[in-house]
Amino acid sequence: MTEATNVETKKPLLEVKNLKKSFPIKRGFLQRTVGHVRAVDDVSFTINEGETLSLVGESGCGKTTTVRAIMRAVSPDEGEVLFRTSEEETVDLAELSLSQIRPLRRNIQMIFQDPFSSLNPRMNIFQLISEPLLVNGIGNHQEREDRVTELLRQVGLRPEYMQRFPHAFSGGQRQRIGIARALALNPRLIVADEPVSGLDVSVQAQVINLMMDLQDEFGLTYLFVSHDLSVVNQISDRVVVMYVGRVVEVGTPQELFRNPKHPYTSALISALPITDPTQRVERPVLEGEIANPANPPSGCYFHPRCPFATEQCKVEAPPLQMSSSGRLVSCHRVEELDLAGAGKLGAAAE
């Protein structure tokens, strides 16, 4: 993992500004729109070149919709997605048409969550990995075969496997094939959506180590999506914590684990298992259910579950702003709360 101090000197590769995406709720025989689900609600963050930025949060917090909007698998309702191309030109992906964005897709590739469903079972490994090259008109057959051979070696697989089909491989091997496919076009940004959540723990560590080694070797930039904080702690340079489509805190893994500034971040960290069975730490317990994105509460979305909520929290949404600690936090009481107890849990989990 690249040190955060080194990352700060690099130029931003991707800037997401005030991104919003909602989905209509349709009911009745005529399928009339009766409401909207706010999947992504005013999300902003920056990814610097060569770093790994992770999006974390509970299921349904908008992580995947955010990356889908960045990839233009869905079109955002509002906001900017500013991407710096290989020609050092900054373009807003949010306002481009599908035909305009197609030439830029080679710069942004994706590693999918499920290695079993993301690979076409009717195609062999050579066809799967070389397909991006073929679609973009890169090289002849021999040149594509040489490139696939190189990619397989880079991800720890034998080149002679290229004539086999996906069913012949384990889950970890299939994810390595997915990584090789993502690397085929030498992308500037790789979006990894829960890439190890479906793998055994031992295999997870192998895949994460592979991704980190490839990043060091090729200077890759990752946008990493996960709900597993132990994985995020291992691979990330910075972490964006999301709750019901909004960003609540941004910081390095060391900052968040040792000294979280938002009550929701503290609650997430408190759920981590403690390696020492003799250690007893009082864990904060979140009451109630996660807010409904179709009908979110007024003010701070987290206030119905927050033990520190005040009347201001119930009526006024806190802005995402820099706190005295030098960290972006969305909380009215960020300067008052002492959540250092969660740091013990973070240190135990490291």
Protein backbone atom coordinates (compact mmCIF):
# COMPACT_ATOMS: atom_id res chain seq x y z
CA MET A 1 0.00 0.00 0.00
CA THR A 2 1.37 3.41 -0.94
CA GLU A 3 2.07 5.74 1.97
CA ALA A 4 -0.47 8.56 2.23
CA THR A 5 2.31 11.16 2.37
CA ASN A 6 3.52 10.07 -1.05
CA VAL A 7 0.02 10.00 -2.52
CA GLU A 8 -0.65 13.63 -1.61
CA THR A 9 2.02 14.80 -4.06
CA LYS A 10 0.29 13.18 -7.02
CA LYS A 11 -2.35 14.74 -9.24
CA PRO A 12 -6.04 13.90 -8.88
CA LEU A 13 -7.10 11.28 -11.39
CA LEU A 14 -10.82 11.34 -10.61
CA GLU A 15 -12.92 14.02 -8.91
CA VAL A 16 -16.53 13.29 -8.00
CA LYS A 17 -18.49 16.42 -7.13
CA ASN A 18 -22.03 16.50 -5.67
CA LEU A 19 -23.04 13.24 -7.37
CA LYS A 20 -26.71 12.33 -7.10
CA LYS A 21 -28.69 9.36 -8.39
CA SER A 22 -32.25 8.37 -7.54
CA PHE A 23 -34.52 5.66 -8.87
CA PRO A 24 -38.28 6.06 -9.36
CA ILE A 25 -40.76 3.98 -7.35
CA LYS A 26 -43.57 2.90 -9.66
CA ARG A 27 -46.86 1.36 -8.53
CA GLY A 28 -50.25 0.45 -9.88
CA PHE A 29 -51.47 -0.82 -13.21
CA LEU A 30 -50.26 2.32 -14.99
CA GLN A 31 -46.89 2.20 -13.20
CA ARG A 32 -47.10 5.75 -11.99
CA THR A 33 -44.15 7.24 -10.15
CA VAL A 34 -45.07 7.64 -6.48
CA GLY A 35 -41.62 8.45 -5.08
CA HIS A 36 -37.89 8.14 -5.51
CA VAL A 37 -35.12 6.15 -3.82
CA ARG A 38 -32.13 8.41 -3.14
CA ALA A 39 -29.40 5.88 -3.78
CA VAL A 40 -26.61 8.48 -4.04
CA ASP A 41 -27.25 11.80 -2.34
CA ASP A 42 -24.65 14.53 -2.90
CA VAL A 43 -21.45 12.43 -2.82
CA SER A 44 -18.05 14.09 -3.35
CA PHE A 45 -14.52 12.68 -3.18
CA THR A 46 -11.19 12.72 -5.03
CA ILE A 47 -8.91 9.87 -6.08
CA ASN A 48 -5.26 10.73 -6.54
CA GLU A 49 -3.15 8.95 -9.12
CA GLY A 50 -1.50 5.82 -7.75
CA GLU A 51 -3.61 5.50 -4.59
CA THR A 52 -6.36 3.19 -3.39
CA LEU A 53 -9.55 4.88 -2.24
CA SER A 54 -12.13 2.63 -0.58
CA LEU A 55 -15.88 3.14 -0.22
CA VAL A 56 -17.28 1.42 2.87
CA GLY A 57 -20.64 1.18 4.60
CA GLU A 58 -23.55 -1.12 5.28
CA SER A 59 -25.38 -2.88 2.46
CA GLY A 60 -27.67 -0.42 0.71
CA CYS A 61 -25.61 2.67 1.56
CA GLY A 62 -25.05 3.51 -2.12
CA LYS A 63 -21.50 2.23 -2.68
CA THR A 64 -22.24 0.18 -5.79
CA THR A 65 -24.59 2.78 -7.27
CA THR A 66 -21.85 5.36 -6.86
CA VAL A 67 -19.34 3.32 -8.85
CA ARG A 68 -21.97 2.42 -11.43
CA ALA A 69 -22.65 6.12 -11.94
CA ILE A 70 -18.92 6.78 -12.29
CA MET A 71 -18.63 3.97 -14.85
CA ARG A 72 -21.79 5.29 -16.55
CA ALA A 73 -23.53 1.96 -16.19
CA VAL A 74 -26.27 4.29 -14.93
CA SER A 75 -26.51 7.99 -15.72
CA PRO A 76 -26.27 10.32 -12.70
CA ASP A 77 -29.06 12.84 -12.10
CA GLU A 78 -26.73 15.61 -10.97
CA GLY A 79 -23.06 16.22 -10.27
CA GLU A 80 -19.72 15.99 -12.01
CA VAL A 81 -17.37 13.07 -12.60
CA LEU A 82 -14.12 14.69 -13.70
CA PHE A 83 -11.61 12.20 -15.11
CA ARG A 84 -8.07 12.93 -16.31
CA THR A 85 -7.37 10.97 -19.48
CA SER A 86 -4.04 9.62 -20.72
CA GLU A 87 -3.74 12.79 -22.84
CA GLU A 88 -3.88 14.84 -19.58
CA GLU A 89 -7.27 16.21 -20.60
CA THR A 90 -9.97 16.50 -17.94
CA VAL A 91 -13.43 15.40 -19.08
CA ASP A 92 -16.76 15.25 -17.25
CA LEU A 93 -17.97 11.68 -17.68
CA ALA A 94 -21.40 12.61 -16.30
CA GLU A 95 -22.31 14.80 -19.26
CA LEU A 96 -20.98 12.62 -22.08
CA SER A 97 -23.26 10.55 -24.30
CA LEU A 98 -22.72 6.78 -24.48
CA SER A 99 -21.04 7.15 -27.88
CA GLN A 100 -18.70 9.83 -26.52
CA ILE A 101 -17.78 7.84 -23.45
CA ARG A 102 -17.03 4.58 -25.27
CA PRO A 103 -13.45 5.56 -26.32
CA LEU A 104 -12.72 6.45 -22.69
CA ARG A 105 -13.82 3.10 -21.27
CA ARG A 106 -10.40 1.59 -21.94
CA ASN A 107 -9.06 4.01 -19.29
CA ILE A 108 -11.45 2.71 -16.61
CA GLN A 109 -11.86 -1.03 -16.12
CA MET A 110 -13.77 -3.03 -13.53
CA ILE A 111 -13.21 -6.12 -11.38
CA PHE A 112 -16.59 -7.59 -10.52
CA GLN A 113 -17.79 -9.08 -7.25
CA ASP A 114 -18.76 -12.56 -8.40
CA PRO A 115 -16.03 -14.41 -10.34
CA PHE A 116 -18.53 -17.15 -11.18
CA SER A 117 -21.06 -14.98 -13.02
CA SER A 118 -18.71 -12.32 -14.45
CA LEU A 119 -17.01 -14.77 -16.84
CA ASN A 120 -18.88 -16.12 -19.89
CA PRO A 121 -18.87 -19.93 -19.51
CA ARG A 122 -18.96 -20.35 -23.31
CA MET A 123 -15.64 -18.54 -23.80
CA ASN A 124 -12.20 -19.91 -22.99
CA ILE A 125 -9.69 -17.91 -21.00
CA PHE A 126 -7.89 -16.59 -24.07
CA GLN A 127 -11.18 -15.26 -25.47
CA LEU A 128 -12.20 -13.73 -22.12
CA ILE A 129 -8.95 -11.87 -21.49
CA SER A 130 -8.34 -10.84 -25.11
CA GLU A 131 -11.90 -9.60 -25.68
CA PRO A 132 -11.12 -6.00 -24.54
CA LEU A 133 -8.19 -5.97 -26.99
CA LEU A 134 -10.37 -7.31 -29.79
CA VAL A 135 -13.20 -4.84 -29.14
CA ASN A 136 -10.76 -1.93 -29.18
CA GLY A 137 -8.97 -3.18 -32.31
CA ILE A 138 -5.62 -3.69 -30.62
CA GLY A 139 -3.14 -6.09 -32.25
CA ASN A 140 -3.51 -9.16 -34.43
CA HIS A 141 -4.24 -12.65 -33.14
CA GLN A 142 -0.59 -13.43 -32.34
CA GLU A 143 -0.08 -10.13 -30.54
CA ARG A 144 -3.22 -10.69 -28.48
CA GLU A 145 -2.06 -14.20 -27.61
CA ASP A 146 1.29 -12.83 -26.47
CA ARG A 147 -0.48 -10.23 -24.35
CA VAL A 148 -2.73 -12.85 -22.72
CA THR A 149 0.34 -14.99 -21.98
CA GLU A 150 1.97 -12.03 -20.26
CA LEU A 151 -1.16 -11.17 -18.28
CA LEU A 152 -1.65 -14.74 -17.04
CA ARG A 153 1.90 -14.82 -15.74
CA GLN A 154 1.42 -11.47 -14.02
CA VAL A 155 -1.61 -12.76 -12.08
CA GLY A 156 0.03 -16.06 -11.15
CA LEU A 157 -1.59 -18.43 -13.68
CA ARG A 158 0.06 -20.65 -16.28
CA PRO A 159 -0.15 -19.55 -19.93
CA GLU A 160 -1.17 -23.04 -21.01
CA TYR A 161 -4.45 -22.50 -19.13
CA MET A 162 -5.68 -20.07 -21.79
CA GLN A 163 -7.53 -22.77 -23.75
CA ARG A 164 -9.49 -23.92 -20.71
CA PHE A 165 -12.99 -22.74 -19.77
CA PRO A 166 -14.02 -20.97 -16.53
CA HIS A 167 -15.63 -24.05 -14.98
CA ALA A 168 -12.18 -25.65 -14.68
CA PHE A 169 -10.97 -23.03 -12.20
CA SER A 170 -11.55 -22.29 -8.53
CA GLY A 171 -13.10 -19.06 -7.31
CA GLY A 172 -9.74 -17.49 -6.54
CA GLN A 173 -8.36 -18.45 -9.95
CA ARG A 174 -11.43 -17.02 -11.66
CA GLN A 175 -10.94 -13.73 -9.86
CA ARG A 176 -7.31 -13.70 -11.04
CA ILE A 177 -8.65 -14.12 -14.57
CA GLY A 178 -10.98 -11.17 -13.96
CA ILE A 179 -8.01 -9.10 -12.78
CA ALA A 180 -6.03 -10.07 -15.89
CA ARG A 181 -8.95 -8.99 -18.08
CA ALA A 182 -9.14 -5.64 -16.27
CA LEU A 183 -5.41 -5.10 -16.87
CA ALA A 184 -5.52 -5.96 -20.58
CA LEU A 185 -5.89 -2.35 -21.78
CA ASN A 186 -3.47 -0.79 -19.27
CA PRO A 187 -6.24 1.29 -17.63
CA ARG A 188 -5.59 4.40 -15.56
CA LEU A 189 -8.29 3.49 -13.01
CA ILE A 190 -9.55 0.10 -11.87
CA VAL A 191 -12.89 -0.08 -10.04
CA ALA A 192 -13.10 -3.15 -7.80
CA ASP A 193 -16.63 -3.81 -6.51
CA GLU A 194 -16.42 -6.23 -3.56
CA PRO A 195 -13.75 -8.28 -5.43
CA VAL A 196 -13.01 -10.69 -2.55
CA SER A 197 -16.33 -10.92 -0.68
CA GLY A 198 -17.25 -14.25 -2.32
CA LEU A 199 -13.88 -15.92 -1.63
CA ASP A 200 -12.53 -17.92 1.30
CA VAL A 201 -10.52 -15.90 3.82
CA SER A 202 -7.19 -17.46 2.82
CA VAL A 203 -7.92 -16.82 -0.85
CA GLN A 204 -9.00 -13.26 -0.05
CA ALA A 205 -5.55 -12.53 1.34
CA GLN A 206 -3.89 -13.94 -1.80
CA VAL A 207 -6.03 -11.82 -4.14
CA ILE A 208 -5.54 -8.65 -2.05
CA ASN A 209 -1.77 -9.20 -1.99
CA LEU A 210 -1.82 -9.72 -5.76
CA MET A 211 -3.69 -6.45 -6.30
CA MET A 212 -1.23 -4.59 -4.07
CA ASP A 213 1.77 -6.11 -5.88
CA LEU A 214 0.30 -5.15 -9.27
CA GLN A 215 -0.31 -1.62 -7.99
CA ASP A 216 3.31 -1.28 -6.93
CA GLU A 217 4.56 -2.73 -10.23
CA PHE A 218 2.36 -0.77 -12.64
CA GLY A 219 1.37 2.30 -10.60
CA LEU A 220 -2.33 1.37 -10.67
CA THR A 221 -5.09 3.47 -9.15
CA TYR A 222 -7.95 1.61 -7.41
CA LEU A 223 -11.46 2.59 -6.40
CA PHE A 224 -12.18 -0.24 -3.99
CA VAL A 225 -15.69 -1.03 -2.72
CA SER A 226 -16.13 -3.23 0.33
CA HIS A 227 -18.06 -3.69 3.55
CA ASP A 228 -15.17 -5.63 5.14
CA LEU A 229 -13.17 -3.15 7.21
CA SER A 230 -10.29 -5.57 7.80
CA VAL A 231 -9.76 -5.81 4.02
CA VAL A 232 -10.13 -2.05 3.64
CA ASN A 233 -7.56 -1.48 6.39
CA GLN A 234 -5.05 -3.62 4.50
CA ILE A 235 -5.34 -2.19 1.00
CA SER A 236 -6.48 1.43 1.33
CA ASP A 237 -4.66 4.75 1.32
CA ARG A 238 -7.87 6.64 2.14
CA VAL A 239 -11.39 5.56 3.11
CA VAL A 240 -14.76 7.15 2.37
CA VAL A 241 -17.48 6.08 4.83
CA MET A 242 -21.03 6.22 3.43
CA TYR A 243 -24.42 6.07 5.11
CA VAL A 244 -27.72 6.08 3.16
CA GLY A 245 -26.16 7.60 0.05
CA ARG A 246 -24.15 10.28 1.85
CA VAL A 247 -20.50 10.61 2.82
CA VAL A 248 -20.10 10.91 6.61
CA GLU A 249 -16.32 10.72 7.02
CA VAL A 250 -13.12 10.61 4.97
CA GLY A 251 -9.69 9.68 6.28
CA THR A 252 -6.80 7.26 6.20
CA PRO A 253 -7.36 3.78 7.64
CA GLN A 254 -5.06 4.62 10.55
CA GLU A 255 -7.08 7.74 11.40
CA LEU A 256 -10.45 6.03 11.16
CA PHE A 257 -9.48 2.92 13.09
CA ARG A 258 -7.61 4.67 15.89
CA ASN A 259 -9.70 7.78 16.27
CA PRO A 260 -13.03 7.86 14.39
CA LYS A 261 -14.77 11.22 14.36
CA HIS A 262 -18.28 10.19 13.29
CA PRO A 263 -20.51 7.98 15.49
CA TYR A 264 -21.40 5.78 12.51
CA THR A 265 -17.72 5.12 11.76
CA SER A 266 -17.20 4.24 15.42
CA ALA A 267 -20.11 1.80 15.30
CA LEU A 268 -18.74 0.11 12.17
CA ILE A 269 -15.33 -0.34 13.76
CA SER A 270 -16.85 -1.67 16.98
CA ALA A 271 -18.31 -4.59 15.01
CA LEU A 272 -14.83 -5.87 14.14
CA PRO A 273 -13.82 -9.07 15.96
CA ILE A 274 -11.11 -8.71 18.59
CA THR A 275 -8.19 -11.12 18.23
CA ASP A 276 -7.48 -11.30 21.97
CA PRO A 277 -10.20 -13.43 23.64
CA THR A 278 -9.26 -12.08 27.08
CA GLN A 279 -9.92 -8.48 26.07
CA ARG A 280 -13.27 -7.03 27.02
CA VAL A 281 -14.33 -3.77 25.41
CA GLU A 282 -17.72 -2.12 25.70
CA ARG A 283 -19.15 -1.85 22.21
CA PRO A 284 -21.55 0.92 21.15
CA VAL A 285 -24.85 -0.59 20.07
CA LEU A 286 -26.85 1.00 17.26
CA GLU A 287 -30.58 0.87 17.88
CA GLY A 288 -33.21 0.98 15.17
CA GLU A 289 -33.02 0.23 11.47
CA ILE A 290 -31.00 1.83 8.72
CA ALA A 291 -32.83 4.84 7.27
CA ASN A 292 -35.10 4.30 4.28
CA PRO A 293 -33.52 6.02 1.24
CA ALA A 294 -37.01 6.42 -0.24
CA ASN A 295 -38.13 8.38 2.82
CA PRO A 296 -35.04 9.52 4.73
CA PRO A 297 -35.39 11.38 8.04
CA SER A 298 -34.98 15.13 8.22
CA GLY A 299 -31.67 16.64 9.22
CA CYS A 300 -28.84 14.16 9.66
CA TYR A 301 -29.86 10.79 8.20
CA PHE A 302 -28.08 9.03 11.06
CA HIS A 303 -29.78 10.89 13.93
CA PRO A 304 -32.52 8.26 14.67
CA ARG A 305 -29.76 5.74 15.51
CA CYS A 306 -27.18 8.11 16.96
CA PRO A 307 -26.79 8.15 20.78
CA PHE A 308 -25.32 11.67 20.57
CA ALA A 309 -28.07 13.32 18.47
CA THR A 310 -29.34 16.76 19.46
CA GLU A 311 -32.30 18.81 18.28
CA GLN A 312 -30.07 20.44 15.69
CA CYS A 313 -29.25 17.01 14.24
CA LYS A 314 -32.96 16.33 13.75
CA VAL A 315 -33.67 19.42 11.67
CA GLU A 316 -30.39 20.47 10.03
CA ALA A 317 -28.28 18.27 7.76
CA PRO A 318 -24.59 18.60 8.72
CA PRO A 319 -22.28 19.60 5.85
CA LEU A 320 -19.22 17.53 4.97
CA GLN A 321 -16.47 19.87 6.13
CA MET A 322 -12.93 19.86 7.44
CA SER A 323 -12.69 19.37 11.20
CA SER A 324 -9.92 20.60 13.47
CA SER A 325 -8.29 17.17 13.09
CA GLY A 326 -7.82 17.86 9.38
CA ARG A 327 -10.40 15.26 8.39
CA LEU A 328 -13.64 15.61 6.40
CA VAL A 329 -16.57 14.77 8.69
CA SER A 330 -20.33 15.29 8.41
CA CYS A 331 -21.38 15.79 12.04
CA HIS A 332 -22.58 18.80 14.02
CA ARG A 333 -20.79 17.59 17.16
CA VAL A 334 -17.50 16.53 15.63
CA GLU A 335 -15.49 18.88 17.86
CA GLU A 336 -17.28 17.76 21.03
CA LEU A 337 -17.43 13.97 20.81
CA ASP A 338 -14.69 11.76 22.16
CA LEU A 339 -14.89 8.45 20.31
CA ALA A 340 -11.36 7.37 21.18
CA GLY A 341 -12.68 4.15 22.76
CA ALA A 342 -13.27 2.80 19.26
CA GLY A 343 -9.56 3.29 18.57
CA LYS A 344 -8.75 0.39 20.89
CA LEU A 345 -10.90 -1.85 18.77
CA GLY A 346 -9.21 -0.56 15.63
CA ALA A 347 -5.76 -1.22 17.05
CA ALA A 348 -6.80 -4.73 18.05
CA ALA A 349 -8.07 -5.40 14.56
CA GLU A 350 -4.87 -4.25 12.85
